[in-house]
Amino acid sequence: MLDESTERYGDIIDLPHHRSRTRPHMTVHNRAAQFMPFAALRGFDDVIDRQTSSVQRQERGRLQPGPDDEDSLNGRLVELLGQLEHRPWVTITHFQADGSRGAGGGDYVLTEGIVRRFDAAERVLVMDDDSRIPLSAILALDF
C-alpha cells in the first residue's frame, strides 16, 4: 500500500506547500477556531475569559522575551523588511501603553494589516492605516 501511494504521488510529494500571493495567510488562531468544539453553555467562555483577563491584567506587566525569542524575532523582522516591496500581510503582537500603572501600564494588542514601510530613524513599522508600531514593543510577528 505504501509503495503504491508513493508511486502514484511521487511527482508531487516533495513540492513545497503553496502560499497565495493575493490572499493573506490565515493565522494559527483563526485556523484553530475552525475546529473549536460546540459550546453547550453559551456565554460561559466569555465569563471565564473576563474573570481570568482581569486577574492577569492586575498581575501582568510588560513581558521580556528571552534571548532565543529575540533572535527568532530579529530573523523574522529581517525577513519581513526584505519583502516590503511585496506589501506583505502581517499579524503583529505588540505592547501598547495606555498610561495606567505608571510607565508599565498597557496591554498586548494583535494588529493585522499590510506593512507600508520601515522608519529606520524612529525604529517603527508603518502600517497601511498610518499606525506606527515600535520595534521594541513587538512580541511576535507572523506573515
N, C-alpha and C. Protein backbone atom coordinates (compact mmCIF):
# COMPACT_ATOMS: atom_id res chain seq x y z
N MET A 1 0.82 -1.19 0.00
CA MET A 1 0.00 0.00 0.00
C MET A 1 0.86 1.26 0.00
N LEU A 2 1.91 1.30 0.84
CA LEU A 2 2.78 2.45 0.91
C LEU A 2 3.51 2.66 -0.41
N ASP A 3 3.98 1.58 -1.03
CA ASP A 3 4.68 1.69 -2.30
C ASP A 3 3.76 2.21 -3.39
N GLU A 4 2.48 1.80 -3.36
CA GLU A 4 1.53 2.23 -4.37
C GLU A 4 1.27 3.74 -4.26
N SER A 5 1.10 4.27 -3.03
CA SER A 5 0.84 5.70 -2.87
C SER A 5 2.07 6.52 -3.21
N THR A 6 3.25 6.02 -2.87
CA THR A 6 4.48 6.71 -3.22
C THR A 6 4.64 6.75 -4.73
N GLU A 7 4.26 5.69 -5.37
CA GLU A 7 4.35 5.62 -6.82
C GLU A 7 3.35 6.57 -7.48
N ARG A 8 2.13 6.62 -6.93
CA ARG A 8 1.08 7.46 -7.52
C ARG A 8 1.37 8.95 -7.36
N TYR A 9 1.92 9.35 -6.21
CA TYR A 9 2.12 10.77 -5.92
C TYR A 9 3.59 11.16 -5.87
N GLY A 10 4.44 10.36 -6.41
CA GLY A 10 5.88 10.62 -6.37
C GLY A 10 6.28 11.92 -7.03
N ASP A 11 5.53 12.36 -8.05
CA ASP A 11 5.89 13.59 -8.75
C ASP A 11 5.55 14.86 -7.96
N ILE A 12 4.66 14.78 -6.98
CA ILE A 12 4.28 15.98 -6.22
C ILE A 12 4.60 15.90 -4.74
N ILE A 13 5.07 14.77 -4.26
CA ILE A 13 5.23 14.56 -2.82
C ILE A 13 6.25 15.52 -2.20
N ASP A 14 7.28 15.91 -2.95
CA ASP A 14 8.32 16.76 -2.39
C ASP A 14 8.20 18.23 -2.79
N LEU A 15 7.10 18.62 -3.40
CA LEU A 15 6.91 20.03 -3.77
C LEU A 15 6.64 20.87 -2.53
N PRO A 16 7.05 22.14 -2.52
CA PRO A 16 6.77 23.00 -1.36
C PRO A 16 5.28 23.32 -1.26
N HIS A 17 4.85 23.63 -0.05
CA HIS A 17 3.44 23.96 0.19
C HIS A 17 3.12 25.30 -0.47
N HIS A 18 1.99 25.38 -1.15
CA HIS A 18 1.59 26.61 -1.85
C HIS A 18 1.17 27.70 -0.86
N ARG A 19 1.62 28.92 -1.09
CA ARG A 19 1.17 30.09 -0.32
C ARG A 19 0.71 31.14 -1.30
N SER A 20 -0.51 31.58 -1.17
CA SER A 20 -1.10 32.55 -2.08
C SER A 20 -0.40 33.89 -1.96
N ARG A 21 -0.24 34.56 -3.08
CA ARG A 21 0.36 35.91 -3.07
C ARG A 21 -0.73 36.97 -2.98
N THR A 22 -1.98 36.60 -3.23
CA THR A 22 -3.07 37.57 -3.23
C THR A 22 -3.92 37.51 -1.97
N ARG A 23 -3.95 36.37 -1.31
CA ARG A 23 -4.76 36.23 -0.10
C ARG A 23 -3.86 36.16 1.11
N PRO A 24 -4.27 36.80 2.23
CA PRO A 24 -3.44 36.74 3.43
C PRO A 24 -3.42 35.34 4.02
N HIS A 25 -2.30 35.01 4.63
CA HIS A 25 -2.14 33.70 5.27
C HIS A 25 -2.97 33.68 6.56
N MET A 26 -3.73 32.62 6.77
CA MET A 26 -4.57 32.52 7.95
C MET A 26 -3.71 32.27 9.18
N THR A 27 -3.99 33.01 10.25
CA THR A 27 -3.22 32.84 11.47
C THR A 27 -3.54 31.50 12.11
N VAL A 28 -2.65 31.05 12.96
CA VAL A 28 -2.85 29.79 13.67
C VAL A 28 -4.11 29.88 14.54
N HIS A 29 -4.33 31.04 15.15
CA HIS A 29 -5.51 31.24 16.00
C HIS A 29 -6.80 31.08 15.18
N ASN A 30 -6.86 31.72 14.01
CA ASN A 30 -8.06 31.63 13.18
C ASN A 30 -8.25 30.22 12.64
N ARG A 31 -7.15 29.55 12.30
CA ARG A 31 -7.25 28.19 11.80
C ARG A 31 -7.77 27.26 12.89
N ALA A 32 -7.29 27.45 14.11
CA ALA A 32 -7.72 26.61 15.22
C ALA A 32 -9.20 26.86 15.54
N ALA A 33 -9.67 28.10 15.33
CA ALA A 33 -11.06 28.43 15.64
C ALA A 33 -12.03 27.62 14.78
N GLN A 34 -11.61 27.19 13.62
CA GLN A 34 -12.48 26.38 12.76
C GLN A 34 -12.81 25.04 13.41
N PHE A 35 -11.95 24.57 14.29
CA PHE A 35 -12.12 23.25 14.87
C PHE A 35 -12.54 23.30 16.33
N MET A 36 -12.99 24.47 16.78
CA MET A 36 -13.43 24.61 18.17
C MET A 36 -14.67 23.75 18.40
N PRO A 37 -14.77 23.12 19.55
CA PRO A 37 -15.95 22.29 19.83
C PRO A 37 -17.19 23.16 20.05
N PHE A 38 -18.32 22.55 19.88
CA PHE A 38 -19.58 23.23 20.11
C PHE A 38 -19.68 23.65 21.57
N ALA A 39 -20.07 24.90 21.82
CA ALA A 39 -20.20 25.40 23.19
C ALA A 39 -21.63 25.17 23.68
N ALA A 40 -21.82 24.23 24.59
CA ALA A 40 -23.16 23.90 25.09
C ALA A 40 -23.69 25.02 25.99
N LEU A 41 -22.82 25.68 26.73
CA LEU A 41 -23.23 26.78 27.60
C LEU A 41 -22.84 28.09 26.95
N ARG A 42 -23.76 28.70 26.24
CA ARG A 42 -23.47 29.94 25.53
C ARG A 42 -23.15 31.05 26.54
N GLY A 43 -22.03 31.74 26.31
CA GLY A 43 -21.62 32.84 27.17
C GLY A 43 -20.70 32.44 28.31
N PHE A 44 -20.62 31.14 28.60
CA PHE A 44 -19.80 30.69 29.72
C PHE A 44 -18.33 31.00 29.48
N ASP A 45 -17.84 30.78 28.26
CA ASP A 45 -16.44 31.06 27.94
C ASP A 45 -16.12 32.55 28.10
N ASP A 46 -17.07 33.42 27.74
CA ASP A 46 -16.85 34.86 27.88
C ASP A 46 -16.70 35.26 29.34
N VAL A 47 -17.52 34.67 30.20
CA VAL A 47 -17.44 34.96 31.64
C VAL A 47 -16.09 34.51 32.18
N ILE A 48 -15.67 33.33 31.81
CA ILE A 48 -14.36 32.82 32.25
C ILE A 48 -13.23 33.70 31.74
N ASP A 49 -13.29 34.10 30.48
CA ASP A 49 -12.25 34.96 29.91
C ASP A 49 -12.18 36.29 30.63
N ARG A 50 -13.35 36.88 30.93
CA ARG A 50 -13.36 38.16 31.65
C ARG A 50 -12.75 38.02 33.04
N GLN A 51 -13.08 36.93 33.72
CA GLN A 51 -12.55 36.70 35.06
C GLN A 51 -11.03 36.55 35.02
N THR A 52 -10.53 35.71 34.11
CA THR A 52 -9.08 35.46 34.05
C THR A 52 -8.33 36.66 33.51
N SER A 53 -8.90 37.39 32.54
CA SER A 53 -8.18 38.54 31.99
C SER A 53 -8.06 39.66 33.01
N SER A 54 -9.08 39.84 33.88
CA SER A 54 -8.95 40.88 34.90
C SER A 54 -7.89 40.52 35.92
N VAL A 55 -7.78 39.23 36.24
CA VAL A 55 -6.73 38.79 37.17
C VAL A 55 -5.37 38.95 36.52
N GLN A 56 -5.24 38.53 35.27
CA GLN A 56 -3.97 38.66 34.57
C GLN A 56 -3.59 40.11 34.37
N ARG A 57 -4.56 40.96 34.11
CA ARG A 57 -4.28 42.37 33.88
C ARG A 57 -3.70 43.01 35.14
N GLN A 58 -4.14 42.55 36.29
CA GLN A 58 -3.62 43.10 37.53
C GLN A 58 -2.20 42.60 37.81
N GLU A 59 -1.92 41.36 37.42
CA GLU A 59 -0.65 40.76 37.77
C GLU A 59 0.40 40.92 36.68
N ARG A 60 0.00 41.06 35.44
CA ARG A 60 0.95 41.02 34.33
C ARG A 60 1.40 42.41 33.94
N GLY A 61 2.67 42.57 33.76
CA GLY A 61 3.23 43.79 33.20
C GLY A 61 3.72 43.48 31.80
N ARG A 62 4.67 44.26 31.37
CA ARG A 62 5.25 44.05 30.05
C ARG A 62 6.20 42.86 30.09
N LEU A 63 6.04 41.94 29.14
CA LEU A 63 6.86 40.73 29.09
C LEU A 63 8.21 41.03 28.46
N GLN A 64 9.23 40.36 28.95
CA GLN A 64 10.56 40.47 28.37
C GLN A 64 10.89 39.16 27.68
N PRO A 65 11.05 39.18 26.34
CA PRO A 65 11.36 37.93 25.64
C PRO A 65 12.76 37.44 25.99
N GLY A 66 12.94 36.12 25.95
CA GLY A 66 14.23 35.53 26.22
C GLY A 66 15.16 35.71 25.02
N PRO A 67 16.44 35.36 25.18
CA PRO A 67 17.41 35.54 24.09
C PRO A 67 17.05 34.76 22.83
N ASP A 68 16.54 33.54 22.99
CA ASP A 68 16.14 32.75 21.82
C ASP A 68 14.96 33.40 21.10
N ASP A 69 14.01 33.93 21.89
CA ASP A 69 12.86 34.61 21.29
C ASP A 69 13.30 35.87 20.54
N GLU A 70 14.26 36.60 21.11
CA GLU A 70 14.75 37.82 20.46
C GLU A 70 15.44 37.48 19.14
N ASP A 71 16.24 36.42 19.13
CA ASP A 71 16.92 36.02 17.90
C ASP A 71 15.91 35.61 16.83
N SER A 72 14.90 34.86 17.23
CA SER A 72 13.87 34.44 16.30
C SER A 72 13.10 35.64 15.75
N LEU A 73 12.74 36.58 16.63
CA LEU A 73 12.01 37.78 16.22
C LEU A 73 12.86 38.64 15.29
N ASN A 74 14.14 38.78 15.60
CA ASN A 74 15.03 39.57 14.74
C ASN A 74 15.12 38.95 13.35
N GLY A 75 15.20 37.63 13.28
CA GLY A 75 15.22 36.95 11.99
C GLY A 75 13.95 37.19 11.21
N ARG A 76 12.80 37.14 11.88
CA ARG A 76 11.51 37.40 11.23
C ARG A 76 11.43 38.84 10.73
N LEU A 77 11.96 39.79 11.53
CA LEU A 77 11.94 41.20 11.11
C LEU A 77 12.81 41.42 9.88
N VAL A 78 13.98 40.82 9.85
CA VAL A 78 14.86 40.94 8.68
C VAL A 78 14.18 40.36 7.45
N GLU A 79 13.53 39.22 7.63
CA GLU A 79 12.81 38.58 6.53
C GLU A 79 11.67 39.48 6.04
N LEU A 80 10.95 40.09 6.97
CA LEU A 80 9.85 41.00 6.62
C LEU A 80 10.37 42.21 5.86
N LEU A 81 11.45 42.82 6.35
CA LEU A 81 11.99 44.02 5.71
C LEU A 81 12.46 43.72 4.29
N GLY A 82 12.91 42.50 4.04
CA GLY A 82 13.32 42.11 2.70
C GLY A 82 12.15 41.92 1.74
N GLN A 83 10.94 41.84 2.28
CA GLN A 83 9.76 41.60 1.44
C GLN A 83 8.79 42.77 1.41
N LEU A 84 9.20 43.95 1.86
CA LEU A 84 8.29 45.09 1.93
C LEU A 84 7.74 45.50 0.57
N GLU A 85 8.51 45.30 -0.52
CA GLU A 85 8.01 45.69 -1.84
C GLU A 85 6.83 44.83 -2.28
N HIS A 86 6.66 43.66 -1.66
CA HIS A 86 5.53 42.78 -1.99
C HIS A 86 4.29 43.10 -1.15
N ARG A 87 4.41 44.10 -0.26
CA ARG A 87 3.30 44.52 0.62
C ARG A 87 2.73 43.34 1.41
N PRO A 88 3.53 42.74 2.27
CA PRO A 88 3.09 41.53 3.00
C PRO A 88 2.01 41.84 4.03
N TRP A 89 1.10 40.90 4.19
CA TRP A 89 0.07 40.95 5.23
C TRP A 89 0.69 40.36 6.48
N VAL A 90 0.66 41.09 7.59
CA VAL A 90 1.31 40.63 8.81
C VAL A 90 0.32 40.59 9.98
N THR A 91 0.66 39.77 10.94
CA THR A 91 -0.04 39.74 12.23
C THR A 91 1.03 40.01 13.28
N ILE A 92 0.87 41.10 14.00
CA ILE A 92 1.89 41.54 14.96
C ILE A 92 1.26 41.59 16.36
N THR A 93 1.90 40.92 17.31
CA THR A 93 1.52 41.03 18.72
C THR A 93 2.49 42.01 19.35
N HIS A 94 1.96 43.11 19.87
CA HIS A 94 2.84 44.14 20.42
C HIS A 94 2.22 44.78 21.65
N PHE A 95 3.08 45.39 22.46
CA PHE A 95 2.64 46.05 23.68
C PHE A 95 2.20 47.47 23.34
N GLN A 96 1.02 47.83 23.84
CA GLN A 96 0.50 49.18 23.61
C GLN A 96 0.27 49.82 24.98
N ALA A 97 1.08 50.83 25.29
CA ALA A 97 0.98 51.51 26.58
C ALA A 97 -0.31 52.33 26.63
N ASP A 98 -0.93 52.37 27.82
CA ASP A 98 -2.13 53.17 27.97
C ASP A 98 -2.00 54.20 29.08
N GLY A 99 -0.83 54.30 29.68
CA GLY A 99 -0.60 55.31 30.70
C GLY A 99 -1.02 54.89 32.10
N SER A 100 -1.72 53.76 32.24
CA SER A 100 -2.12 53.32 33.57
C SER A 100 -0.96 52.58 34.23
N ARG A 101 -1.00 52.47 35.53
CA ARG A 101 0.03 51.77 36.31
C ARG A 101 1.42 52.31 36.01
N GLY A 102 1.54 53.62 35.88
CA GLY A 102 2.85 54.21 35.65
C GLY A 102 3.33 53.95 34.24
N ALA A 103 4.62 53.76 34.09
CA ALA A 103 5.23 53.59 32.77
C ALA A 103 4.94 52.21 32.19
N GLY A 104 4.63 51.21 33.04
CA GLY A 104 4.44 49.85 32.54
C GLY A 104 3.02 49.49 32.22
N GLY A 105 2.09 50.44 32.27
CA GLY A 105 0.69 50.14 32.05
C GLY A 105 0.35 49.98 30.59
N GLY A 106 -0.49 48.99 30.30
CA GLY A 106 -0.93 48.76 28.94
C GLY A 106 -1.29 47.30 28.75
N ASP A 107 -1.53 46.94 27.52
CA ASP A 107 -1.89 45.57 27.19
C ASP A 107 -1.23 45.17 25.89
N TYR A 108 -1.21 43.86 25.66
CA TYR A 108 -0.73 43.36 24.39
C TYR A 108 -1.89 43.36 23.40
N VAL A 109 -1.60 43.83 22.20
CA VAL A 109 -2.60 44.02 21.16
C VAL A 109 -2.17 43.22 19.93
N LEU A 110 -3.15 42.67 19.24
CA LEU A 110 -2.91 41.95 17.99
C LEU A 110 -3.30 42.87 16.84
N THR A 111 -2.34 43.21 15.99
CA THR A 111 -2.59 44.08 14.84
C THR A 111 -2.36 43.29 13.57
N GLU A 112 -3.34 43.36 12.66
CA GLU A 112 -3.21 42.70 11.36
C GLU A 112 -3.32 43.76 10.29
N GLY A 113 -2.53 43.60 9.24
CA GLY A 113 -2.59 44.55 8.14
C GLY A 113 -1.36 44.45 7.26
N ILE A 114 -1.22 45.44 6.38
CA ILE A 114 -0.10 45.50 5.44
C ILE A 114 0.91 46.51 5.95
N VAL A 115 2.18 46.09 5.97
CA VAL A 115 3.25 47.00 6.36
C VAL A 115 3.61 47.83 5.14
N ARG A 116 3.49 49.16 5.29
CA ARG A 116 3.80 50.05 4.17
C ARG A 116 5.29 50.32 4.08
N ARG A 117 5.91 50.62 5.24
CA ARG A 117 7.35 50.91 5.22
C ARG A 117 7.94 50.78 6.61
N PHE A 118 9.26 50.84 6.67
CA PHE A 118 10.00 50.80 7.92
C PHE A 118 10.70 52.15 8.09
N ASP A 119 10.44 52.83 9.19
CA ASP A 119 11.09 54.10 9.50
C ASP A 119 12.30 53.80 10.38
N ALA A 120 13.49 53.82 9.77
CA ALA A 120 14.72 53.45 10.48
C ALA A 120 15.10 54.48 11.54
N ALA A 121 14.78 55.75 11.30
CA ALA A 121 15.13 56.80 12.26
C ALA A 121 14.38 56.61 13.58
N GLU A 122 13.09 56.30 13.48
CA GLU A 122 12.28 56.11 14.69
C GLU A 122 12.19 54.65 15.11
N ARG A 123 12.69 53.73 14.27
CA ARG A 123 12.64 52.29 14.51
C ARG A 123 11.21 51.81 14.73
N VAL A 124 10.34 52.14 13.75
CA VAL A 124 8.93 51.74 13.80
C VAL A 124 8.52 51.17 12.45
N LEU A 125 7.54 50.24 12.49
CA LEU A 125 6.88 49.76 11.29
C LEU A 125 5.67 50.64 11.06
N VAL A 126 5.52 51.16 9.84
CA VAL A 126 4.38 52.00 9.49
C VAL A 126 3.41 51.14 8.69
N MET A 127 2.19 51.01 9.21
CA MET A 127 1.18 50.18 8.58
C MET A 127 0.42 50.99 7.52
N ASP A 128 -0.40 50.31 6.71
CA ASP A 128 -1.19 50.97 5.68
C ASP A 128 -2.17 52.00 6.24
N ASP A 129 -2.65 51.79 7.45
CA ASP A 129 -3.59 52.74 8.06
C ASP A 129 -2.86 53.85 8.83
N ASP A 130 -1.56 54.01 8.59
CA ASP A 130 -0.69 55.01 9.22
C ASP A 130 -0.43 54.77 10.70
N SER A 131 -0.85 53.63 11.24
CA SER A 131 -0.47 53.32 12.62
C SER A 131 1.01 52.95 12.63
N ARG A 132 1.65 53.22 13.76
CA ARG A 132 3.08 53.01 13.89
C ARG A 132 3.34 52.06 15.05
N ILE A 133 4.12 51.02 14.78
CA ILE A 133 4.42 50.01 15.81
C ILE A 133 5.92 50.02 16.06
N PRO A 134 6.34 50.42 17.26
CA PRO A 134 7.77 50.43 17.57
C PRO A 134 8.33 49.01 17.61
N LEU A 135 9.53 48.83 17.08
CA LEU A 135 10.15 47.51 17.07
C LEU A 135 10.34 46.99 18.49
N SER A 136 10.62 47.89 19.43
CA SER A 136 10.86 47.47 20.81
C SER A 136 9.60 46.93 21.48
N ALA A 137 8.41 47.21 20.93
CA ALA A 137 7.15 46.76 21.52
C ALA A 137 6.69 45.43 20.95
N ILE A 138 7.31 44.95 19.88
CA ILE A 138 6.84 43.74 19.20
C ILE A 138 7.25 42.50 19.98
N LEU A 139 6.26 41.64 20.24
CA LEU A 139 6.50 40.37 20.93
C LEU A 139 6.49 39.20 19.95
N ALA A 140 5.62 39.25 18.94
CA ALA A 140 5.53 38.18 17.95
C ALA A 140 5.15 38.77 16.61
N LEU A 141 5.60 38.09 15.55
CA LEU A 141 5.38 38.57 14.19
C LEU A 141 5.15 37.37 13.29
N ASP A 142 4.05 37.42 12.51
CA ASP A 142 3.75 36.34 11.58
C ASP A 142 3.29 36.96 10.27
N PHE A 143 3.80 36.44 9.17
CA PHE A 143 3.36 36.91 7.86
C PHE A 143 3.45 35.80 6.85
